[in-house]
């Protein structure tokens, strides 16, 4: 299984991947993360990487993604180019997908096999998705 994300949602997926083995006893490496800008740059907040339309799919290919895998995209808006373009690639290659988004009718939810739309409404601080959306996605 892979999480795919950028920004706050992507960082939360890293936390989840770290916690799942110890919490549920699943093997390390069963849950992986493709983070815009790379997991090794987690603390750098490379927000511009959200607009990278090829990086997600290329990173999944490097991980030998196949129809046996499941990918969950995490994006507050559901419009993040990093996720949208990657989902198009997965759809063409019969890779099963899910998503967690916070806006109804988003492009990512439209192509996900198992969309979860956790509609949280506008944030208290405009431009931030780290509060309500991030809490709902976690």
N, C-alpha and C. Protein backbone atom coordinates (compact mmCIF):
# COMPACT_ATOMS: atom_id res chain seq x y z
N UNK A 1 0.84 -1.18 0.00
CA UNK A 1 0.00 0.00 0.00
C UNK A 1 0.88 1.24 0.00
N UNK A 2 0.41 2.23 -0.71
CA UNK A 2 1.13 3.50 -0.77
C UNK A 2 0.20 4.64 -0.41
N UNK A 3 0.71 5.57 0.36
CA UNK A 3 0.08 6.88 0.51
C UNK A 3 0.75 7.79 -0.50
N UNK A 4 -0.03 8.68 -1.08
CA UNK A 4 0.48 9.65 -2.04
C UNK A 4 -0.01 11.01 -1.59
N UNK A 5 0.90 11.95 -1.36
CA UNK A 5 0.44 13.25 -0.91
C UNK A 5 1.49 14.33 -1.03
N UNK A 6 1.02 15.53 -0.74
CA UNK A 6 1.86 16.72 -0.75
C UNK A 6 1.41 17.60 0.41
N UNK A 7 2.27 18.48 0.85
CA UNK A 7 1.89 19.41 1.90
C UNK A 7 1.51 18.70 3.19
N UNK A 8 0.56 19.28 3.91
CA UNK A 8 0.17 18.76 5.23
C UNK A 8 -0.38 17.35 5.15
N UNK A 9 -1.23 17.08 4.17
CA UNK A 9 -1.79 15.73 4.02
C UNK A 9 -0.71 14.69 3.79
N UNK A 10 0.27 15.02 2.97
CA UNK A 10 1.38 14.11 2.72
C UNK A 10 2.21 13.87 3.96
N UNK A 11 2.44 14.94 4.75
CA UNK A 11 3.21 14.77 5.98
C UNK A 11 2.46 13.90 6.98
N UNK A 12 1.14 14.05 7.03
CA UNK A 12 0.34 13.21 7.93
C UNK A 12 0.40 11.74 7.52
N UNK A 13 0.51 11.49 6.22
CA UNK A 13 0.61 10.11 5.77
C UNK A 13 1.93 9.48 6.21
N UNK A 14 2.99 10.28 6.30
CA UNK A 14 4.27 9.77 6.80
C UNK A 14 4.10 9.34 8.26
N UNK A 15 3.43 10.15 9.04
CA UNK A 15 3.18 9.81 10.44
C UNK A 15 2.39 8.51 10.55
N UNK A 16 1.39 8.35 9.71
CA UNK A 16 0.58 7.14 9.72
C UNK A 16 1.43 5.91 9.37
N UNK A 17 2.25 6.04 8.36
CA UNK A 17 3.11 4.92 7.94
C UNK A 17 4.09 4.52 9.04
N UNK A 18 4.52 5.50 9.83
CA UNK A 18 5.43 5.21 10.94
C UNK A 18 4.70 4.49 12.06
N UNK A 19 3.46 4.91 12.33
CA UNK A 19 2.71 4.37 13.46
C UNK A 19 2.06 3.01 13.19
N UNK A 20 1.69 2.72 11.96
CA UNK A 20 0.95 1.49 11.66
C UNK A 20 1.66 0.19 12.07
N UNK A 21 2.95 0.03 11.79
CA UNK A 21 3.59 -1.23 12.19
C UNK A 21 3.57 -1.48 13.70
N UNK A 22 3.86 -0.44 14.49
CA UNK A 22 3.88 -0.64 15.94
C UNK A 22 2.48 -0.75 16.53
N UNK A 23 1.52 -0.06 15.95
CA UNK A 23 0.16 -0.09 16.48
C UNK A 23 -0.56 -1.37 16.11
N UNK A 24 -0.39 -1.84 14.88
CA UNK A 24 -1.17 -2.98 14.40
C UNK A 24 -0.34 -4.22 14.08
N UNK A 25 0.96 -4.13 14.26
CA UNK A 25 1.80 -5.29 14.05
C UNK A 25 1.98 -5.70 12.60
N UNK A 26 1.72 -4.77 11.68
CA UNK A 26 1.94 -5.10 10.27
C UNK A 26 3.43 -4.97 9.96
N UNK A 27 3.91 -5.69 8.98
CA UNK A 27 5.35 -5.61 8.67
C UNK A 27 5.76 -4.21 8.22
N UNK A 28 6.93 -3.79 8.67
CA UNK A 28 7.49 -2.53 8.18
C UNK A 28 7.66 -2.63 6.69
N UNK A 29 7.33 -1.58 5.97
CA UNK A 29 7.45 -1.58 4.52
C UNK A 29 6.17 -1.99 3.80
N UNK A 30 5.17 -2.46 4.54
CA UNK A 30 3.90 -2.79 3.91
C UNK A 30 3.16 -1.52 3.50
N UNK A 31 3.32 -0.46 4.30
CA UNK A 31 2.73 0.84 4.00
C UNK A 31 3.87 1.80 3.70
N UNK A 32 3.81 2.41 2.51
CA UNK A 32 4.87 3.30 2.04
C UNK A 32 4.28 4.66 1.71
N UNK A 33 5.15 5.65 1.60
CA UNK A 33 4.69 7.02 1.33
C UNK A 33 5.45 7.59 0.13
N UNK A 34 4.67 8.14 -0.79
CA UNK A 34 5.23 8.95 -1.88
C UNK A 34 4.84 10.39 -1.56
N UNK A 35 5.81 11.18 -1.15
CA UNK A 35 5.58 12.56 -0.72
C UNK A 35 6.19 13.50 -1.74
N UNK A 36 5.42 14.48 -2.16
CA UNK A 36 5.95 15.48 -3.10
C UNK A 36 7.21 16.10 -2.51
N UNK A 37 8.30 16.03 -3.24
CA UNK A 37 9.57 16.54 -2.76
C UNK A 37 10.41 15.49 -2.07
N UNK A 38 9.81 14.33 -1.73
CA UNK A 38 10.54 13.24 -1.11
C UNK A 38 10.42 13.21 0.40
N UNK A 39 10.28 12.02 0.96
CA UNK A 39 10.16 11.85 2.40
C UNK A 39 11.42 12.36 3.10
N UNK A 40 12.57 12.23 2.44
CA UNK A 40 13.82 12.71 3.04
C UNK A 40 13.84 14.23 3.20
N UNK A 41 12.92 14.93 2.56
CA UNK A 41 12.82 16.39 2.67
C UNK A 41 11.57 16.79 3.45
N UNK A 42 11.09 15.91 4.30
CA UNK A 42 9.85 16.08 5.05
C UNK A 42 9.76 17.42 5.78
N UNK A 43 10.81 17.81 6.45
CA UNK A 43 10.79 19.02 7.26
C UNK A 43 11.02 20.29 6.45
N UNK A 44 11.31 20.16 5.17
CA UNK A 44 11.62 21.35 4.36
C UNK A 44 10.39 22.08 3.84
N UNK A 45 9.20 21.49 3.95
CA UNK A 45 7.96 22.11 3.48
C UNK A 45 8.09 22.65 2.06
N UNK A 46 8.37 21.78 1.13
CA UNK A 46 8.56 22.15 -0.27
C UNK A 46 7.20 22.28 -0.96
N UNK A 47 6.45 23.32 -0.59
CA UNK A 47 5.08 23.48 -1.08
C UNK A 47 5.01 23.55 -2.60
N UNK A 48 6.03 24.07 -3.26
CA UNK A 48 6.02 24.17 -4.72
C UNK A 48 5.99 22.80 -5.38
N UNK A 49 6.38 21.76 -4.65
CA UNK A 49 6.39 20.41 -5.22
C UNK A 49 4.98 19.87 -5.43
N UNK A 50 3.97 20.50 -4.83
CA UNK A 50 2.58 20.09 -5.03
C UNK A 50 2.17 20.24 -6.49
N UNK A 51 2.86 21.11 -7.21
CA UNK A 51 2.53 21.36 -8.62
C UNK A 51 3.29 20.45 -9.58
N UNK A 52 4.12 19.57 -9.07
CA UNK A 52 4.90 18.64 -9.89
C UNK A 52 3.94 17.59 -10.47
N UNK A 53 3.77 17.59 -11.78
CA UNK A 53 2.80 16.69 -12.41
C UNK A 53 3.38 15.34 -12.82
N UNK A 54 4.68 15.13 -12.66
CA UNK A 54 5.29 13.86 -13.06
C UNK A 54 5.94 13.10 -11.90
N UNK A 55 6.29 13.80 -10.84
CA UNK A 55 7.06 13.21 -9.75
C UNK A 55 6.37 12.05 -9.05
N UNK A 56 5.07 12.14 -8.82
CA UNK A 56 4.35 11.08 -8.12
C UNK A 56 4.36 9.78 -8.89
N UNK A 57 4.03 9.86 -10.17
CA UNK A 57 3.98 8.65 -10.99
C UNK A 57 5.38 8.04 -11.16
N UNK A 58 6.39 8.90 -11.36
CA UNK A 58 7.76 8.40 -11.49
C UNK A 58 8.22 7.72 -10.20
N UNK A 59 7.88 8.30 -9.05
CA UNK A 59 8.27 7.70 -7.78
C UNK A 59 7.58 6.35 -7.57
N UNK A 60 6.32 6.25 -7.96
CA UNK A 60 5.62 4.96 -7.84
C UNK A 60 6.23 3.92 -8.77
N UNK A 61 6.62 4.32 -9.97
CA UNK A 61 7.27 3.39 -10.89
C UNK A 61 8.61 2.90 -10.32
N UNK A 62 9.34 3.78 -9.64
CA UNK A 62 10.60 3.38 -9.01
C UNK A 62 10.35 2.34 -7.91
N UNK A 63 9.17 2.37 -7.34
CA UNK A 63 8.79 1.41 -6.29
C UNK A 63 8.15 0.15 -6.89
N UNK A 64 8.20 0.04 -8.22
CA UNK A 64 7.63 -1.11 -8.94
C UNK A 64 6.14 -1.29 -8.67
N UNK A 65 5.40 -0.20 -8.71
CA UNK A 65 3.95 -0.23 -8.51
C UNK A 65 3.31 -1.17 -9.52
N UNK A 66 2.29 -1.88 -9.06
CA UNK A 66 1.60 -2.80 -9.95
C UNK A 66 0.12 -2.86 -9.58
N UNK A 67 -0.62 -3.63 -10.34
CA UNK A 67 -2.05 -3.80 -10.07
C UNK A 67 -2.29 -4.53 -8.75
N UNK A 68 -1.24 -5.07 -8.13
CA UNK A 68 -1.36 -5.72 -6.83
C UNK A 68 -1.32 -4.73 -5.67
N UNK A 69 -1.02 -3.47 -5.97
CA UNK A 69 -0.89 -2.44 -4.94
C UNK A 69 -2.16 -1.62 -4.81
N UNK A 70 -2.24 -0.89 -3.73
CA UNK A 70 -3.36 0.03 -3.46
C UNK A 70 -2.75 1.36 -3.08
N UNK A 71 -3.24 2.45 -3.68
CA UNK A 71 -2.70 3.79 -3.41
C UNK A 71 -3.80 4.68 -2.87
N UNK A 72 -3.51 5.35 -1.75
CA UNK A 72 -4.44 6.31 -1.16
C UNK A 72 -3.85 7.70 -1.33
N UNK A 73 -4.53 8.54 -2.08
CA UNK A 73 -4.10 9.92 -2.25
C UNK A 73 -4.69 10.78 -1.15
N UNK A 74 -3.88 11.64 -0.57
CA UNK A 74 -4.34 12.54 0.48
C UNK A 74 -4.09 13.96 0.01
N UNK A 75 -5.17 14.71 -0.19
CA UNK A 75 -5.08 16.09 -0.62
C UNK A 75 -6.30 16.84 -0.12
N UNK A 76 -6.09 17.90 0.62
CA UNK A 76 -7.22 18.65 1.18
C UNK A 76 -8.16 19.15 0.08
N UNK A 77 -7.59 19.76 -0.94
CA UNK A 77 -8.42 20.35 -2.00
C UNK A 77 -8.95 19.31 -2.97
N UNK A 78 -8.20 18.22 -3.14
CA UNK A 78 -8.55 17.24 -4.16
C UNK A 78 -8.16 17.69 -5.55
N UNK A 79 -7.42 18.80 -5.62
CA UNK A 79 -7.01 19.35 -6.91
C UNK A 79 -5.49 19.44 -7.06
N UNK A 80 -4.74 18.97 -6.08
CA UNK A 80 -3.29 19.07 -6.11
C UNK A 80 -2.74 18.38 -7.35
N UNK A 81 -2.04 19.11 -8.24
CA UNK A 81 -1.54 18.51 -9.48
C UNK A 81 -0.69 17.27 -9.26
N UNK A 82 0.12 17.23 -8.20
CA UNK A 82 0.95 16.06 -7.89
C UNK A 82 0.08 14.81 -7.79
N UNK A 83 -1.07 14.93 -7.15
CA UNK A 83 -1.98 13.78 -6.98
C UNK A 83 -2.84 13.54 -8.21
N UNK A 84 -3.40 14.60 -8.78
CA UNK A 84 -4.32 14.45 -9.91
C UNK A 84 -3.64 13.71 -11.07
N UNK A 85 -2.47 14.15 -11.46
CA UNK A 85 -1.78 13.52 -12.60
C UNK A 85 -1.37 12.10 -12.28
N UNK A 86 -0.96 11.86 -11.05
CA UNK A 86 -0.56 10.50 -10.66
C UNK A 86 -1.78 9.58 -10.71
N UNK A 87 -2.94 10.05 -10.28
CA UNK A 87 -4.15 9.23 -10.32
C UNK A 87 -4.52 8.87 -11.75
N UNK A 88 -4.28 9.79 -12.68
CA UNK A 88 -4.54 9.48 -14.09
C UNK A 88 -3.66 8.32 -14.54
N UNK A 89 -2.40 8.30 -14.14
CA UNK A 89 -1.48 7.22 -14.48
C UNK A 89 -1.90 5.90 -13.86
N UNK A 90 -2.36 5.96 -12.63
CA UNK A 90 -2.79 4.73 -11.96
C UNK A 90 -4.05 4.17 -12.61
N UNK A 91 -4.94 5.06 -13.00
CA UNK A 91 -6.18 4.62 -13.65
C UNK A 91 -5.87 3.91 -14.97
N UNK A 92 -4.92 4.44 -15.73
CA UNK A 92 -4.54 3.82 -17.01
C UNK A 92 -3.88 2.46 -16.82
N UNK A 93 -3.31 2.23 -15.63
CA UNK A 93 -2.58 0.99 -15.36
C UNK A 93 -3.32 0.05 -14.41
N UNK A 94 -4.62 0.28 -14.24
CA UNK A 94 -5.47 -0.60 -13.42
C UNK A 94 -4.98 -0.78 -11.99
N UNK A 95 -4.47 0.30 -11.41
CA UNK A 95 -4.03 0.27 -10.02
C UNK A 95 -5.18 0.81 -9.17
N UNK A 96 -5.59 0.06 -8.18
CA UNK A 96 -6.72 0.44 -7.34
C UNK A 96 -6.33 1.61 -6.45
N UNK A 97 -7.25 2.58 -6.36
CA UNK A 97 -6.96 3.80 -5.62
C UNK A 97 -8.09 4.18 -4.67
N UNK A 98 -7.71 4.89 -3.65
CA UNK A 98 -8.63 5.54 -2.74
C UNK A 98 -8.12 6.94 -2.51
N UNK A 99 -8.91 7.77 -1.88
CA UNK A 99 -8.44 9.11 -1.57
C UNK A 99 -9.14 9.63 -0.33
N UNK A 100 -8.50 10.59 0.30
CA UNK A 100 -9.09 11.35 1.40
C UNK A 100 -8.96 12.81 1.00
N UNK A 101 -10.10 13.44 0.75
CA UNK A 101 -10.13 14.84 0.34
C UNK A 101 -11.12 15.60 1.22
N UNK A 102 -11.04 16.92 1.19
CA UNK A 102 -11.94 17.72 2.03
C UNK A 102 -12.85 18.64 1.22
N UNK A 103 -12.88 18.49 -0.08
CA UNK A 103 -13.78 19.26 -0.93
C UNK A 103 -14.66 18.29 -1.72
N UNK A 104 -15.94 18.58 -1.83
CA UNK A 104 -16.82 17.68 -2.60
C UNK A 104 -16.57 17.79 -4.10
N UNK A 105 -16.69 16.65 -4.78
CA UNK A 105 -16.61 16.64 -6.25
C UNK A 105 -15.26 17.01 -6.81
N UNK A 106 -14.19 16.69 -6.13
CA UNK A 106 -12.85 17.08 -6.60
C UNK A 106 -12.38 16.16 -7.72
N UNK A 107 -11.40 16.61 -8.51
CA UNK A 107 -10.85 15.77 -9.58
C UNK A 107 -10.26 14.46 -9.07
N UNK A 108 -9.60 14.47 -7.91
CA UNK A 108 -9.03 13.24 -7.37
C UNK A 108 -10.14 12.27 -6.97
N UNK A 109 -11.16 12.76 -6.27
CA UNK A 109 -12.28 11.90 -5.87
C UNK A 109 -13.01 11.33 -7.09
N UNK A 110 -13.05 12.11 -8.17
CA UNK A 110 -13.76 11.67 -9.38
C UNK A 110 -13.11 10.44 -10.01
N UNK A 111 -11.80 10.29 -9.88
CA UNK A 111 -11.12 9.16 -10.51
C UNK A 111 -10.71 8.07 -9.51
N UNK A 112 -10.87 8.32 -8.21
CA UNK A 112 -10.51 7.31 -7.21
C UNK A 112 -11.55 6.20 -7.19
N UNK A 113 -11.09 4.98 -7.01
CA UNK A 113 -12.01 3.85 -6.89
C UNK A 113 -12.79 3.90 -5.58
N UNK A 114 -12.15 4.39 -4.52
CA UNK A 114 -12.76 4.46 -3.20
C UNK A 114 -12.53 5.85 -2.60
N UNK A 115 -13.33 6.83 -3.02
CA UNK A 115 -13.14 8.19 -2.50
C UNK A 115 -13.75 8.36 -1.11
N UNK A 116 -13.04 9.07 -0.26
CA UNK A 116 -13.55 9.50 1.04
C UNK A 116 -13.50 11.02 1.03
N UNK A 117 -14.66 11.64 1.12
CA UNK A 117 -14.74 13.10 1.13
C UNK A 117 -15.13 13.53 2.55
N UNK A 118 -14.12 13.95 3.31
CA UNK A 118 -14.33 14.43 4.68
C UNK A 118 -14.50 15.94 4.60
N UNK A 119 -15.72 16.38 4.36
CA UNK A 119 -15.99 17.80 4.11
C UNK A 119 -15.94 18.56 5.43
N UNK A 120 -14.94 19.41 5.57
CA UNK A 120 -14.73 20.14 6.82
C UNK A 120 -15.13 21.61 6.73
N UNK A 121 -15.42 22.10 5.53
CA UNK A 121 -15.76 23.51 5.38
C UNK A 121 -14.52 24.38 5.43
N UNK A 122 -14.72 25.68 5.28
CA UNK A 122 -13.58 26.60 5.26
C UNK A 122 -12.78 26.57 6.56
N UNK A 123 -11.50 26.76 6.44
CA UNK A 123 -10.64 26.84 7.61
C UNK A 123 -10.86 28.19 8.32
N UNK A 124 -10.53 28.23 9.60
CA UNK A 124 -10.64 29.47 10.36
C UNK A 124 -9.64 30.51 9.86
N UNK A 125 -8.48 30.02 9.44
CA UNK A 125 -7.45 30.89 8.88
C UNK A 125 -7.37 30.59 7.39
N UNK A 126 -7.75 31.53 6.57
CA UNK A 126 -7.79 31.32 5.12
C UNK A 126 -6.41 30.93 4.61
N UNK A 127 -6.40 29.91 3.75
CA UNK A 127 -5.16 29.46 3.15
C UNK A 127 -4.49 28.32 3.90
N UNK A 128 -4.97 28.01 5.09
CA UNK A 128 -4.37 26.93 5.87
C UNK A 128 -5.22 25.68 5.75
N UNK A 129 -4.58 24.54 5.50
CA UNK A 129 -5.31 23.27 5.52
C UNK A 129 -4.78 22.40 6.65
N UNK A 130 -4.05 22.99 7.57
CA UNK A 130 -3.41 22.22 8.62
C UNK A 130 -4.29 22.01 9.84
N UNK A 131 -5.42 22.68 9.90
CA UNK A 131 -6.24 22.60 11.11
C UNK A 131 -7.39 21.60 10.91
N UNK A 132 -8.49 22.05 10.39
CA UNK A 132 -9.65 21.14 10.24
C UNK A 132 -9.39 20.03 9.25
N UNK A 133 -8.89 20.33 8.06
CA UNK A 133 -8.63 19.30 7.05
C UNK A 133 -7.61 18.28 7.54
N UNK A 134 -6.52 18.77 8.10
CA UNK A 134 -5.48 17.88 8.59
C UNK A 134 -5.99 16.97 9.70
N UNK A 135 -6.77 17.52 10.60
CA UNK A 135 -7.33 16.70 11.69
C UNK A 135 -8.29 15.66 11.15
N UNK A 136 -9.13 16.03 10.20
CA UNK A 136 -10.08 15.08 9.61
C UNK A 136 -9.36 13.99 8.82
N UNK A 137 -8.31 14.36 8.10
CA UNK A 137 -7.57 13.37 7.31
C UNK A 137 -6.84 12.39 8.21
N UNK A 138 -6.30 12.84 9.31
CA UNK A 138 -5.62 11.93 10.23
C UNK A 138 -6.65 10.97 10.83
